[in-house]
Amino acid sequence: ANRTVVYRGFLGDSADITMVTDLRSGKVEEIRANSAGEFAWYMPETRDQFRIAGDLTVVAHDSATMQKERQEAWARMSPGGRAQFAWPVPGFPRLDDENPDAFDIPEDLTSDAKTV
């Protein structure tokens, strides 16, 4: 399956690529079932495309390893980026579009505080 993700940089000084996604997304279970993945970057100005294949690893809040790296990735995200994780479950409609207060973003997700 093709999935869109946001590139978040490299993991430390390694060549490992980091990305962030919502654990509630279907892509997480797909990655856990089949870790083979491929990134494709397209540069529209030069019309160049780069493809990188490898194995993907899901690092969740309850993962036994890479917690420091997970927390650092969260801290580097903008307040708006963190706020997306308070949205309804990916792929499902909002339950109450009539009530805008139903989707207020928790202040700890929108502030610049570095708490995780």
Foldseek 3Di string as FASTA:
>chain_A
DDDDWDWQQAQPPDNHTDTDDAPLDPVVVVCVVPQWDKDWDADVVVRDIDIDIDGDDDDDPPDPDDPVVVLVSLLPDALVVQQVNQDPRPPDDDPCPPDPVVSDGPPVSNDNDSDD
